[in-house]
């Protein structure tokens, strides 16, 4: 088991751990999506750039740009853990919905993770 994201202390006063590997991978994807470039001291290029697009005009172009940014970041940072099959980005009113379908390389299981951000 790995450290839980977001970081927190559990009921026993220890660092909280994820319950399984699938949860850990989903949390890694979430970290990658919502970390801005330059935010990590020792990895200044870690992140997807998604946060920079939150205040951009919501449009089809925004969704397409987001899809390319997310695809590139996932392949660069998590390519050894997952194989991305599909990324669907929808701009719905003031929300950006990102759905990622991927295969966990360790066990070849297909997973789907959805993330919603208010724009």
PDB file of N, CA and C in Angstrom:
ATOM      1  N   UNK A   1       0.824  -1.179   0.000  1.00  0.00           N
ATOM      2  CA  UNK A   1       0.000   0.000   0.000  1.00  0.00           C
ATOM      3  C   UNK A   1       0.878   1.256   0.000  1.00  0.00           C
ATOM      4  N   UNK A   2       0.373   2.295  -0.586  1.00  0.00           N
ATOM      5  CA  UNK A   2       1.113   3.545  -0.746  1.00  0.00           C
ATOM      6  C   UNK A   2       0.477   4.655   0.081  1.00  0.00           C
ATOM      7  N   UNK A   3       1.150   5.788   0.163  1.00  0.00           N
ATOM      8  CA  UNK A   3       0.643   6.943   0.901  1.00  0.00           C
ATOM      9  C   UNK A   3      -0.602   7.478   0.212  1.00  0.00           C
ATOM     10  N   UNK A   4      -1.615   7.787   1.003  1.00  0.00           N
ATOM     11  CA  UNK A   4      -2.880   8.294   0.495  1.00  0.00           C
ATOM     12  C   UNK A   4      -2.724   9.711  -0.047  1.00  0.00           C
ATOM     13  N   UNK A   5      -3.495  10.032  -1.056  1.00  0.00           N
ATOM     14  CA  UNK A   5      -3.569  11.385  -1.584  1.00  0.00           C
ATOM     15  C   UNK A   5      -5.015  11.831  -1.525  1.00  0.00           C
ATOM     16  N   UNK A   6      -5.349  12.995  -1.026  1.00  0.00           N
ATOM     17  CA  UNK A   6      -4.413  13.949  -0.460  1.00  0.00           C
ATOM     18  C   UNK A   6      -3.838  13.445   0.855  1.00  0.00           C
ATOM     19  N   UNK A   7      -2.637  13.930   1.159  1.00  0.00           N
ATOM     20  CA  UNK A   7      -1.924  13.516   2.352  1.00  0.00           C
ATOM     21  C   UNK A   7      -2.759  13.818   3.591  1.00  0.00           C
ATOM     22  N   UNK A   8      -2.805  12.848   4.515  1.00  0.00           N
ATOM     23  CA  UNK A   8      -3.519  13.065   5.769  1.00  0.00           C
ATOM     24  C   UNK A   8      -3.005  12.064   6.798  1.00  0.00           C
ATOM     25  N   UNK A   9      -3.369  12.301   8.033  1.00  0.00           N
ATOM     26  CA  UNK A   9      -3.026  11.408   9.135  1.00  0.00           C
ATOM     27  C   UNK A   9      -4.269  10.573   9.447  1.00  0.00           C
ATOM     28  N   UNK A  10      -4.095   9.260   9.639  1.00  0.00           N
ATOM     29  CA  UNK A  10      -5.244   8.395   9.925  1.00  0.00           C
ATOM     30  C   UNK A  10      -5.588   8.428  11.414  1.00  0.00           C
ATOM     31  N   UNK A  11      -6.574   7.667  11.805  1.00  0.00           N
ATOM     32  CA  UNK A  11      -7.066   7.633  13.179  1.00  0.00           C
ATOM     33  C   UNK A  11      -6.043   7.174  14.200  1.00  0.00           C
ATOM     34  N   UNK A  12      -5.035   6.434  13.763  1.00  0.00           N
ATOM     35  CA  UNK A  12      -4.007   5.949  14.690  1.00  0.00           C
ATOM     36  C   UNK A  12      -2.824   6.910  14.803  1.00  0.00           C
ATOM     37  N   UNK A  13      -2.914   8.054  14.112  1.00  0.00           N
ATOM     38  CA  UNK A  13      -1.836   9.031  14.177  1.00  0.00           C
ATOM     39  C   UNK A  13      -0.712   8.782  13.191  1.00  0.00           C
ATOM     40  N   UNK A  14      -0.917   7.880  12.260  1.00  0.00           N
ATOM     41  CA  UNK A  14       0.096   7.569  11.244  1.00  0.00           C
ATOM     42  C   UNK A  14      -0.328   8.141   9.896  1.00  0.00           C
ATOM     43  N   UNK A  15       0.617   8.129   8.981  1.00  0.00           N
ATOM     44  CA  UNK A  15       0.312   8.572   7.623  1.00  0.00           C
ATOM     45  C   UNK A  15      -0.700   7.606   7.018  1.00  0.00           C
ATOM     46  N   UNK A  16      -1.791   8.142   6.470  1.00  0.00           N
ATOM     47  CA  UNK A  16      -2.833   7.308   5.868  1.00  0.00           C
ATOM     48  C   UNK A  16      -2.300   6.624   4.610  1.00  0.00           C
ATOM     49  N   UNK A  17      -2.714   5.391   4.417  1.00  0.00           N
ATOM     50  CA  UNK A  17      -2.315   4.583   3.261  1.00  0.00           C
ATOM     51  C   UNK A  17      -3.519   4.291   2.385  1.00  0.00           C
ATOM     52  N   UNK A  18      -3.264   4.057   1.087  1.00  0.00           N
ATOM     53  CA  UNK A  18      -4.353   3.667   0.194  1.00  0.00           C
ATOM     54  C   UNK A  18      -4.761   2.238   0.505  1.00  0.00           C
ATOM     55  N   UNK A  19      -5.998   1.900   0.143  1.00  0.00           N
ATOM     56  CA  UNK A  19      -6.472   0.552   0.446  1.00  0.00           C
ATOM     57  C   UNK A  19      -6.013  -0.487  -0.569  1.00  0.00           C
ATOM     58  N   UNK A  20      -5.713  -0.039  -1.812  1.00  0.00           N
ATOM     59  CA  UNK A  20      -5.240  -0.994  -2.828  1.00  0.00           C
ATOM     60  C   UNK A  20      -4.491  -0.255  -3.931  1.00  0.00           C
ATOM     61  N   UNK A  21      -3.879  -1.005  -4.823  1.00  0.00           N
ATOM     62  CA  UNK A  21      -3.087  -0.436  -5.908  1.00  0.00           C
ATOM     63  C   UNK A  21      -3.932   0.359  -6.894  1.00  0.00           C
ATOM     64  N   UNK A  22      -5.149  -0.085  -7.184  1.00  0.00           N
ATOM     65  CA  UNK A  22      -6.009   0.638  -8.117  1.00  0.00           C
ATOM     66  C   UNK A  22      -6.347   2.029  -7.592  1.00  0.00           C
ATOM     67  N   UNK A  23      -6.601   2.122  -6.290  1.00  0.00           N
ATOM     68  CA  UNK A  23      -6.873   3.417  -5.673  1.00  0.00           C
ATOM     69  C   UNK A  23      -5.635   4.305  -5.758  1.00  0.00           C
ATOM     70  N   UNK A  24      -4.475   3.706  -5.528  1.00  0.00           N
ATOM     71  CA  UNK A  24      -3.226   4.468  -5.595  1.00  0.00           C
ATOM     72  C   UNK A  24      -3.005   5.039  -6.995  1.00  0.00           C
ATOM     73  N   UNK A  25      -3.236   4.257  -8.022  1.00  0.00           N
ATOM     74  CA  UNK A  25      -3.054   4.733  -9.395  1.00  0.00           C
ATOM     75  C   UNK A  25      -4.040   5.846  -9.711  1.00  0.00           C
ATOM     76  N   UNK A  26      -5.282   5.713  -9.288  1.00  0.00           N
ATOM     77  CA  UNK A  26      -6.269   6.776  -9.506  1.00  0.00           C
ATOM     78  C   UNK A  26      -5.826   8.060  -8.816  1.00  0.00           C
ATOM     79  N   UNK A  27      -5.288   7.934  -7.613  1.00  0.00           N
ATOM     80  CA  UNK A  27      -4.805   9.106  -6.888  1.00  0.00           C
ATOM     81  C   UNK A  27      -3.587   9.725  -7.575  1.00  0.00           C
ATOM     82  N   UNK A  28      -2.728   8.906  -8.166  1.00  0.00           N
ATOM     83  CA  UNK A  28      -1.592   9.436  -8.929  1.00  0.00           C
ATOM     84  C   UNK A  28      -2.079  10.247 -10.122  1.00  0.00           C
ATOM     85  N   UNK A  29      -3.117   9.747 -10.804  1.00  0.00           N
ATOM     86  CA  UNK A  29      -3.684  10.475 -11.943  1.00  0.00           C
ATOM     87  C   UNK A  29      -4.243  11.814 -11.462  1.00  0.00           C
ATOM     88  N   UNK A  30      -4.963  11.795 -10.356  1.00  0.00           N
ATOM     89  CA  UNK A  30      -5.532  13.032  -9.807  1.00  0.00           C
ATOM     90  C   UNK A  30      -4.427  14.037  -9.461  1.00  0.00           C
ATOM     91  N   UNK A  31      -3.350  13.559  -8.832  1.00  0.00           N
ATOM     92  CA  UNK A  31      -2.227  14.446  -8.515  1.00  0.00           C
ATOM     93  C   UNK A  31      -1.657  15.081  -9.773  1.00  0.00           C
ATOM     94  N   UNK A  32      -1.468  14.268 -10.784  1.00  0.00           N
ATOM     95  CA  UNK A  32      -0.891  14.749 -12.034  1.00  0.00           C
ATOM     96  C   UNK A  32      -1.792  15.790 -12.683  1.00  0.00           C
ATOM     97  N   UNK A  33      -3.090  15.522 -12.715  1.00  0.00           N
ATOM     98  CA  UNK A  33      -4.021  16.441 -13.358  1.00  0.00           C
ATOM     99  C   UNK A  33      -4.066  17.800 -12.675  1.00  0.00           C
ATOM    100  N   UNK A  34      -4.029  17.814 -11.355  1.00  0.00           N
ATOM    101  CA  UNK A  34      -4.277  19.049 -10.622  1.00  0.00           C
ATOM    102  C   UNK A  34      -3.027  19.660  -9.988  1.00  0.00           C
ATOM    103  N   UNK A  35      -1.847  19.224 -10.425  1.00  0.00           N
ATOM    104  CA  UNK A  35      -0.603  19.856 -10.006  1.00  0.00           C
ATOM    105  C   UNK A  35      -0.156  20.782 -11.131  1.00  0.00           C
ATOM    106  N   UNK A  36       0.167  22.027 -10.774  1.00  0.00           N
ATOM    107  CA  UNK A  36       0.636  22.986 -11.763  1.00  0.00           C
ATOM    108  C   UNK A  36       2.123  22.830 -11.991  1.00  0.00           C
ATOM    109  N   UNK A  37       2.562  23.055 -13.189  1.00  0.00           N
ATOM    110  CA  UNK A  37       3.997  23.038 -13.485  1.00  0.00           C
ATOM    111  C   UNK A  37       4.675  24.065 -12.594  1.00  0.00           C
ATOM    112  N   UNK A  38       5.817  23.680 -12.014  1.00  0.00           N
ATOM    113  CA  UNK A  38       6.544  24.560 -11.119  1.00  0.00           C
ATOM    114  C   UNK A  38       6.153  24.425  -9.662  1.00  0.00           C
ATOM    115  N   UNK A  39       5.078  23.702  -9.391  1.00  0.00           N
ATOM    116  CA  UNK A  39       4.596  23.555  -8.016  1.00  0.00           C
ATOM    117  C   UNK A  39       5.469  22.606  -7.193  1.00  0.00           C
ATOM    118  N   UNK A  40       6.053  21.618  -7.817  1.00  0.00           N
ATOM    119  CA  UNK A  40       6.920  20.659  -7.122  1.00  0.00           C
ATOM    120  C   UNK A  40       8.362  21.139  -7.190  1.00  0.00           C
ATOM    121  N   UNK A  41       9.012  21.200  -6.042  1.00  0.00           N
ATOM    122  CA  UNK A  41      10.371  21.732  -5.964  1.00  0.00           C
ATOM    123  C   UNK A  41      11.359  20.902  -6.775  1.00  0.00           C
ATOM    124  N   UNK A  42      11.382  19.603  -6.584  1.00  0.00           N
ATOM    125  CA  UNK A  42      12.362  18.755  -7.261  1.00  0.00           C
ATOM    126  C   UNK A  42      11.904  18.243  -8.616  1.00  0.00           C
ATOM    127  N   UNK A  43      10.686  18.535  -8.978  1.00  0.00           N
ATOM    128  CA  UNK A  43      10.165  18.153 -10.294  1.00  0.00           C
ATOM    129  C   UNK A  43       9.360  19.318 -10.863  1.00  0.00           C
ATOM    130  N   UNK A  44      10.023  20.371 -11.284  1.00  0.00           N
ATOM    131  CA  UNK A  44       9.298  21.568 -11.718  1.00  0.00           C
ATOM    132  C   UNK A  44       8.455  21.380 -12.978  1.00  0.00           C
ATOM    133  N   UNK A  45       8.729  20.334 -13.756  1.00  0.00           N
ATOM    134  CA  UNK A  45       7.936  20.102 -14.962  1.00  0.00           C
ATOM    135  C   UNK A  45       6.819  19.087 -14.740  1.00  0.00           C
ATOM    136  N   UNK A  46       6.629  18.625 -13.490  1.00  0.00           N
ATOM    137  CA  UNK A  46       5.548  17.684 -13.171  1.00  0.00           C
ATOM    138  C   UNK A  46       4.214  18.427 -13.212  1.00  0.00           C
ATOM    139  N   UNK A  47       3.213  17.808 -13.807  1.00  0.00           N
ATOM    140  CA  UNK A  47       1.878  18.388 -13.884  1.00  0.00           C
ATOM    141  C   UNK A  47       1.321  18.281 -15.289  1.00  0.00           C
ATOM    142  N   UNK A  48       0.046  18.635 -15.427  1.00  0.00           N
ATOM    143  CA  UNK A  48      -0.602  18.493 -16.724  1.00  0.00           C
ATOM    144  C   UNK A  48      -0.940  19.820 -17.398  1.00  0.00           C
ATOM    145  N   UNK A  49      -0.883  20.920 -16.657  1.00  0.00           N
ATOM    146  CA  UNK A  49      -1.271  22.201 -17.236  1.00  0.00           C
ATOM    147  C   UNK A  49      -2.763  22.457 -17.174  1.00  0.00           C
ATOM    148  N   UNK A  50      -3.506  21.524 -16.612  1.00  0.00           N
ATOM    149  CA  UNK A  50      -4.965  21.647 -16.544  1.00  0.00           C
ATOM    150  C   UNK A  50      -5.398  22.867 -15.737  1.00  0.00           C
ATOM    151  N   UNK A  51      -4.705  23.145 -14.644  1.00  0.00           N
ATOM    152  CA  UNK A  51      -5.068  24.270 -13.787  1.00  0.00           C
ATOM    153  C   UNK A  51      -4.998  25.600 -14.545  1.00  0.00           C
ATOM    154  N   UNK A  52      -4.069  25.721 -15.482  1.00  0.00           N
ATOM    155  CA  UNK A  52      -3.911  26.959 -16.245  1.00  0.00           C
ATOM    156  C   UNK A  52      -5.115  27.219 -17.141  1.00  0.00           C
ATOM    157  N   UNK A  53      -5.848  26.170 -17.460  1.00  0.00           N
ATOM    158  CA  UNK A  53      -6.976  26.317 -18.376  1.00  0.00           C
ATOM    159  C   UNK A  53      -8.306  26.588 -17.657  1.00  0.00           C
ATOM    160  N   UNK A  54      -8.282  26.572 -16.332  1.00  0.00           N
ATOM    161  CA  UNK A  54      -9.530  26.723 -15.589  1.00  0.00           C
ATOM    162  C   UNK A  54     -10.252  28.028 -15.866  1.00  0.00           C
ATOM    163  N   UNK A  55      -9.513  29.087 -16.142  1.00  0.00           N
ATOM    164  CA  UNK A  55     -10.150  30.382 -16.361  1.00  0.00           C
ATOM    165  C   UNK A  55     -10.173  30.782 -17.825  1.00  0.00           C
ATOM    166  N   UNK A  56      -9.800  29.866 -18.691  1.00  0.00           N
ATOM    167  CA  UNK A  56      -9.892  30.111 -20.125  1.00  0.00           C
ATOM    168  C   UNK A  56     -11.362  30.009 -20.535  1.00  0.00           C
ATOM    169  N   UNK A  57     -11.741  30.687 -21.614  1.00  0.00           N
ATOM    170  CA  UNK A  57     -13.134  30.584 -22.065  1.00  0.00           C
ATOM    171  C   UNK A  57     -13.508  29.130 -22.349  1.00  0.00           C
ATOM    172  N   UNK A  58     -14.600  28.684 -21.784  1.00  0.00           N
ATOM    173  CA  UNK A  58     -15.035  27.299 -21.932  1.00  0.00           C
ATOM    174  C   UNK A  58     -15.534  27.081 -23.357  1.00  0.00           C
ATOM    175  N   UNK A  59     -14.895  26.160 -24.067  1.00  0.00           N
ATOM    176  CA  UNK A  59     -15.237  25.939 -25.471  1.00  0.00           C
ATOM    177  C   UNK A  59     -14.754  24.576 -25.918  1.00  0.00           C
ATOM    178  N   UNK A  60     -15.075  24.224 -27.131  1.00  0.00           N
ATOM    179  CA  UNK A  60     -14.591  22.983 -27.724  1.00  0.00           C
ATOM    180  C   UNK A  60     -13.080  22.981 -27.860  1.00  0.00           C
ATOM    181  N   UNK A  61     -12.510  24.166 -28.162  1.00  0.00           N
ATOM    182  CA  UNK A  61     -11.061  24.289 -28.272  1.00  0.00           C
ATOM    183  C   UNK A  61     -10.387  24.005 -26.933  1.00  0.00           C
ATOM    184  N   UNK A  62     -10.994  24.483 -25.845  1.00  0.00           N
ATOM    185  CA  UNK A  62     -10.464  24.219 -24.509  1.00  0.00           C
ATOM    186  C   UNK A  62     -10.460  22.721 -24.229  1.00  0.00           C
ATOM    187  N   UNK A  63     -11.546  22.052 -24.590  1.00  0.00           N
ATOM    188  CA  UNK A  63     -11.636  20.608 -24.371  1.00  0.00           C
ATOM    189  C   UNK A  63     -10.560  19.865 -25.162  1.00  0.00           C
ATOM    190  N   UNK A  64     -10.343  20.250 -26.400  1.00  0.00           N
ATOM    191  CA  UNK A  64      -9.330  19.603 -27.236  1.00  0.00           C
ATOM    192  C   UNK A  64      -7.925  19.849 -26.692  1.00  0.00           C
ATOM    193  N   UNK A  65      -7.639  21.083 -26.309  1.00  0.00           N
ATOM    194  CA  UNK A  65      -6.339  21.407 -25.723  1.00  0.00           C
ATOM    195  C   UNK A  65      -6.101  20.597 -24.463  1.00  0.00           C
ATOM    196  N   UNK A  66      -7.126  20.506 -23.636  1.00  0.00           N
ATOM    197  CA  UNK A  66      -7.026  19.753 -22.390  1.00  0.00           C
ATOM    198  C   UNK A  66      -6.743  18.287 -22.673  1.00  0.00           C
ATOM    199  N   UNK A  67      -7.406  17.738 -23.672  1.00  0.00           N
ATOM    200  CA  UNK A  67      -7.197  16.333 -24.026  1.00  0.00           C
ATOM    201  C   UNK A  67      -5.738  16.078 -24.396  1.00  0.00           C
ATOM    202  N   UNK A  68      -5.145  16.950 -25.196  1.00  0.00           N
ATOM    203  CA  UNK A  68      -3.743  16.781 -25.585  1.00  0.00           C
ATOM    204  C   UNK A  68      -2.802  16.938 -24.393  1.00  0.00           C
ATOM    205  N   UNK A  69      -3.062  17.914 -23.535  1.00  0.00           N
ATOM    206  CA  UNK A  69      -2.225  18.122 -22.353  1.00  0.00           C
ATOM    207  C   UNK A  69      -2.272  16.917 -21.422  1.00  0.00           C
ATOM    208  N   UNK A  70      -3.468  16.410 -21.192  1.00  0.00           N
ATOM    209  CA  UNK A  70      -3.645  15.269 -20.287  1.00  0.00           C
ATOM    210  C   UNK A  70      -2.979  14.027 -20.865  1.00  0.00           C
ATOM    211  N   UNK A  71      -3.167  13.768 -22.144  1.00  0.00           N
ATOM    212  CA  UNK A  71      -2.557  12.606 -22.798  1.00  0.00           C
ATOM    213  C   UNK A  71      -1.038  12.648 -22.672  1.00  0.00           C
ATOM    214  N   UNK A  72      -0.445  13.783 -22.971  1.00  0.00           N
ATOM    215  CA  UNK A  72       1.006  13.912 -22.897  1.00  0.00           C
ATOM    216  C   UNK A  72       1.540  13.734 -21.485  1.00  0.00           C
ATOM    217  N   UNK A  73       0.864  14.340 -20.519  1.00  0.00           N
ATOM    218  CA  UNK A  73       1.308  14.236 -19.121  1.00  0.00           C
ATOM    219  C   UNK A  73       1.189  12.803 -18.614  1.00  0.00           C
ATOM    220  N   UNK A  74       0.096  12.132 -18.937  1.00  0.00           N
ATOM    221  CA  UNK A  74      -0.085  10.747 -18.495  1.00  0.00           C
ATOM    222  C   UNK A  74       0.982   9.835 -19.078  1.00  0.00           C
ATOM    223  N   UNK A  75       1.271  10.012 -20.356  1.00  0.00           N
ATOM    224  CA  UNK A  75       2.297   9.181 -20.988  1.00  0.00           C
ATOM    225  C   UNK A  75       3.673   9.456 -20.402  1.00  0.00           C
ATOM    226  N   UNK A  76       3.982  10.723 -20.135  1.00  0.00           N
ATOM    227  CA  UNK A  76       5.297  11.073 -19.601  1.00  0.00           C
ATOM    228  C   UNK A  76       5.490  10.581 -18.175  1.00  0.00           C
ATOM    229  N   UNK A  77       4.522  10.820 -17.304  1.00  0.00           N
ATOM    230  CA  UNK A  77       4.722  10.569 -15.883  1.00  0.00           C
ATOM    231  C   UNK A  77       4.197   9.234 -15.386  1.00  0.00           C
ATOM    232  N   UNK A  78       3.171   8.684 -16.026  1.00  0.00           N
ATOM    233  CA  UNK A  78       2.580   7.436 -15.541  1.00  0.00           C
ATOM    234  C   UNK A  78       2.586   6.330 -16.582  1.00  0.00           C
ATOM    235  N   UNK A  79       3.314   6.529 -17.662  1.00  0.00           N
ATOM    236  CA  UNK A  79       3.349   5.554 -18.745  1.00  0.00           C
ATOM    237  C   UNK A  79       3.861   4.185 -18.348  1.00  0.00           C
ATOM    238  N   UNK A  80       4.670   4.112 -17.295  1.00  0.00           N
ATOM    239  CA  UNK A  80       5.158   2.812 -16.840  1.00  0.00           C
ATOM    240  C   UNK A  80       4.110   2.080 -15.997  1.00  0.00           C
ATOM    241  N   UNK A  81       3.093   2.787 -15.510  1.00  0.00           N
ATOM    242  CA  UNK A  81       2.041   2.165 -14.697  1.00  0.00           C
ATOM    243  C   UNK A  81       0.759   1.896 -15.462  1.00  0.00           C
ATOM    244  N   UNK A  82       0.440   2.775 -16.407  1.00  0.00           N
ATOM    245  CA  UNK A  82      -0.824   2.641 -17.136  1.00  0.00           C
ATOM    246  C   UNK A  82      -0.615   2.824 -18.634  1.00  0.00           C
ATOM    247  N   UNK A  83      -1.556   2.256 -19.369  1.00  0.00           N
ATOM    248  CA  UNK A  83      -1.624   2.476 -20.812  1.00  0.00           C
ATOM    249  C   UNK A  83      -2.945   3.181 -21.071  1.00  0.00           C
ATOM    250  N   UNK A  84      -2.879   4.409 -21.531  1.00  0.00           N
ATOM    251  CA  UNK A  84      -4.087   5.204 -21.760  1.00  0.00           C
ATOM    252  C   UNK A  84      -4.763   4.706 -23.027  1.00  0.00           C
ATOM    253  N   UNK A  85      -6.050   4.403 -22.904  1.00  0.00           N
ATOM    254  CA  UNK A  85      -6.834   3.969 -24.064  1.00  0.00           C
ATOM    255  C   UNK A  85      -7.655   5.107 -24.653  1.00  0.00           C
ATOM    256  N   UNK A  86      -8.233   5.918 -23.782  1.00  0.00           N
ATOM    257  CA  UNK A  86      -9.079   7.002 -24.267  1.00  0.00           C
ATOM    258  C   UNK A  86      -9.156   8.110 -23.230  1.00  0.00           C
ATOM    259  N   UNK A  87      -9.272   9.324 -23.735  1.00  0.00           N
ATOM    260  CA  UNK A  87      -9.487  10.484 -22.887  1.00  0.00           C
ATOM    261  C   UNK A  87     -10.648  11.247 -23.484  1.00  0.00           C
ATOM    262  N   UNK A  88     -11.635  11.505 -22.661  1.00  0.00           N
ATOM    263  CA  UNK A  88     -12.788  12.271 -23.111  1.00  0.00           C
ATOM    264  C   UNK A  88     -12.869  13.532 -22.270  1.00  0.00           C
ATOM    265  N   UNK A  89     -12.852  14.662 -22.934  1.00  0.00           N
ATOM    266  CA  UNK A  89     -12.945  15.934 -22.240  1.00  0.00           C
ATOM    267  C   UNK A  89     -14.188  16.644 -22.732  1.00  0.00           C
ATOM    268  N   UNK A  90     -15.053  16.986 -21.821  1.00  0.00           N
ATOM    269  CA  UNK A  90     -16.295  17.683 -22.151  1.00  0.00           C
ATOM    270  C   UNK A  90     -16.354  19.000 -21.397  1.00  0.00           C
ATOM    271  N   UNK A  91     -16.699  20.066 -22.093  1.00  0.00           N
ATOM    272  CA  UNK A  91     -16.959  21.325 -21.406  1.00  0.00           C
ATOM    273  C   UNK A  91     -18.471  21.472 -21.326  1.00  0.00           C
ATOM    274  N   UNK A  92     -19.000  21.446 -20.111  1.00  0.00           N
ATOM    275  CA  UNK A  92     -20.438  21.521 -19.885  1.00  0.00           C
ATOM    276  C   UNK A  92     -20.694  22.730 -18.995  1.00  0.00           C
ATOM    277  N   UNK A  93     -21.284  23.762 -19.597  1.00  0.00           N
ATOM    278  CA  UNK A  93     -21.523  25.023 -18.903  1.00  0.00           C
ATOM    279  C   UNK A  93     -20.249  25.502 -18.228  1.00  0.00           C
ATOM    280  N   UNK A  94     -20.192  25.541 -16.910  1.00  0.00           N
ATOM    281  CA  UNK A  94     -19.002  26.056 -16.217  1.00  0.00           C
ATOM    282  C   UNK A  94     -18.118  24.936 -15.681  1.00  0.00           C
ATOM    283  N   UNK A  95     -18.280  23.723 -16.226  1.00  0.00           N
ATOM    284  CA  UNK A  95     -17.498  22.585 -15.736  1.00  0.00           C
ATOM    285  C   UNK A  95     -16.673  21.975 -16.847  1.00  0.00           C
ATOM    286  N   UNK A  96     -15.543  21.439 -16.437  1.00  0.00           N
ATOM    287  CA  UNK A  96     -14.692  20.682 -17.344  1.00  0.00           C
ATOM    288  C   UNK A  96     -14.687  19.255 -16.817  1.00  0.00           C
ATOM    289  N   UNK A  97     -15.153  18.312 -17.619  1.00  0.00           N
ATOM    290  CA  UNK A  97     -15.232  16.917 -17.206  1.00  0.00           C
ATOM    291  C   UNK A  97     -14.205  16.115 -17.993  1.00  0.00           C
ATOM    292  N   UNK A  98     -13.305  15.462 -17.259  1.00  0.00           N
ATOM    293  CA  UNK A  98     -12.239  14.671 -17.881  1.00  0.00           C
ATOM    294  C   UNK A  98     -12.438  13.213 -17.469  1.00  0.00           C
ATOM    295  N   UNK A  99     -12.627  12.336 -18.459  1.00  0.00           N
ATOM    296  CA  UNK A  99     -12.770  10.907 -18.200  1.00  0.00           C
ATOM    297  C   UNK A  99     -11.624  10.187 -18.892  1.00  0.00           C
ATOM    298  N   UNK A 100     -10.929   9.369 -18.124  1.00  0.00           N
ATOM    299  CA  UNK A 100      -9.759   8.662 -18.649  1.00  0.00           C
ATOM    300  C   UNK A 100      -9.999   7.168 -18.541  1.00  0.00           C
ATOM    301  N   UNK A 101      -9.874   6.472 -19.663  1.00  0.00           N
ATOM    302  CA  UNK A 101      -9.951   5.008 -19.679  1.00  0.00           C
ATOM    303  C   UNK A 101      -8.536   4.502 -19.884  1.00  0.00           C
ATOM    304  N   UNK A 102      -8.109   3.594 -19.013  1.00  0.00           N
ATOM    305  CA  UNK A 102      -6.738   3.110 -19.069  1.00  0.00           C
ATOM    306  C   UNK A 102      -6.654   1.656 -18.631  1.00  0.00           C
ATOM    307  N   UNK A 103      -5.530   1.048 -18.958  1.00  0.00           N
ATOM    308  CA  UNK A 103      -5.242  -0.321 -18.542  1.00  0.00           C
ATOM    309  C   UNK A 103      -4.072  -0.261 -17.564  1.00  0.00           C
ATOM    310  N   UNK A 104      -4.233  -0.902 -16.422  1.00  0.00           N
ATOM    311  CA  UNK A 104      -3.158  -0.994 -15.439  1.00  0.00           C
ATOM    312  C   UNK A 104      -2.169  -2.032 -15.959  1.00  0.00           C
ATOM    313  N   UNK A 105      -0.953  -1.639 -16.190  1.00  0.00           N
ATOM    314  CA  UNK A 105       0.040  -2.537 -16.793  1.00  0.00           C
ATOM    315  C   UNK A 105       0.345  -3.756 -15.914  1.00  0.00           C
ATOM    316  N   UNK A 106       0.312  -3.585 -14.607  1.00  0.00           N
ATOM    317  CA  UNK A 106       0.664  -4.669 -13.685  1.00  0.00           C
ATOM    318  C   UNK A 106      -0.262  -5.876 -13.826  1.00  0.00           C
ATOM    319  N   UNK A 107      -1.566  -5.628 -13.992  1.00  0.00           N
ATOM    320  CA  UNK A 107      -2.515  -6.742 -14.034  1.00  0.00           C
ATOM    321  C   UNK A 107      -3.415  -6.740 -15.270  1.00  0.00           C
ATOM    322  N   UNK A 108      -3.205  -5.802 -16.174  1.00  0.00           N
ATOM    323  CA  UNK A 108      -3.961  -5.694 -17.420  1.00  0.00           C
ATOM    324  C   UNK A 108      -5.462  -5.441 -17.198  1.00  0.00           C
ATOM    325  N   UNK A 109      -5.823  -4.858 -16.074  1.00  0.00           N
ATOM    326  CA  UNK A 109      -7.224  -4.530 -15.803  1.00  0.00           C
ATOM    327  C   UNK A 109      -7.563  -3.165 -16.377  1.00  0.00           C
ATOM    328  N   UNK A 110      -8.718  -3.079 -16.997  1.00  0.00           N
ATOM    329  CA  UNK A 110      -9.203  -1.820 -17.560  1.00  0.00           C
ATOM    330  C   UNK A 110      -9.900  -1.026 -16.457  1.00  0.00           C
ATOM    331  N   UNK A 111      -9.583   0.257 -16.380  1.00  0.00           N
ATOM    332  CA  UNK A 111     -10.165   1.152 -15.383  1.00  0.00           C
ATOM    333  C   UNK A 111     -10.667   2.409 -16.069  1.00  0.00           C
ATOM    334  N   UNK A 112     -11.624   3.056 -15.435  1.00  0.00           N
ATOM    335  CA  UNK A 112     -12.123   4.347 -15.895  1.00  0.00           C
ATOM    336  C   UNK A 112     -12.137   5.283 -14.698  1.00  0.00           C
ATOM    337  N   UNK A 113     -11.566   6.470 -14.863  1.00  0.00           N
ATOM    338  CA  UNK A 113     -11.550   7.476 -13.807  1.00  0.00           C
ATOM    339  C   UNK A 113     -12.117   8.770 -14.360  1.00  0.00           C
ATOM    340  N   UNK A 114     -13.024   9.387 -13.627  1.00  0.00           N
ATOM    341  CA  UNK A 114     -13.637  10.644 -14.041  1.00  0.00           C
ATOM    342  C   UNK A 114     -13.287  11.736 -13.043  1.00  0.00           C
ATOM    343  N   UNK A 115     -12.981  12.919 -13.571  1.00  0.00           N
ATOM    344  CA  UNK A 115     -12.622  14.066 -12.752  1.00  0.00           C
ATOM    345  C   UNK A 115     -13.392  15.276 -13.269  1.00  0.00           C
ATOM    346  N   UNK A 116     -13.918  16.063 -12.351  1.00  0.00           N
ATOM    347  CA  UNK A 116     -14.701  17.248 -12.722  1.00  0.00           C
ATOM    348  C   UNK A 116     -14.075  18.457 -12.042  1.00  0.00           C
ATOM    349  N   UNK A 117     -13.896  19.522 -12.808  1.00  0.00           N
ATOM    350  CA  UNK A 117     -13.379  20.776 -12.283  1.00  0.00           C
ATOM    351  C   UNK A 117     -14.321  21.891 -12.698  1.00  0.00           C
ATOM    352  N   UNK A 118     -14.653  22.753 -11.751  1.00  0.00           N
ATOM    353  CA  UNK A 118     -15.456  23.926 -12.064  1.00  0.00           C
ATOM    354  C   UNK A 118     -14.555  24.946 -12.742  1.00  0.00           C
ATOM    355  N   UNK A 119     -15.049  25.529 -13.805  1.00  0.00           N
ATOM    356  CA  UNK A 119     -14.262  26.533 -14.551  1.00  0.00           C
ATOM    357  C   UNK A 119     -14.741  27.906 -14.149  1.00  0.00           C
TER     358      UNK A 119
END
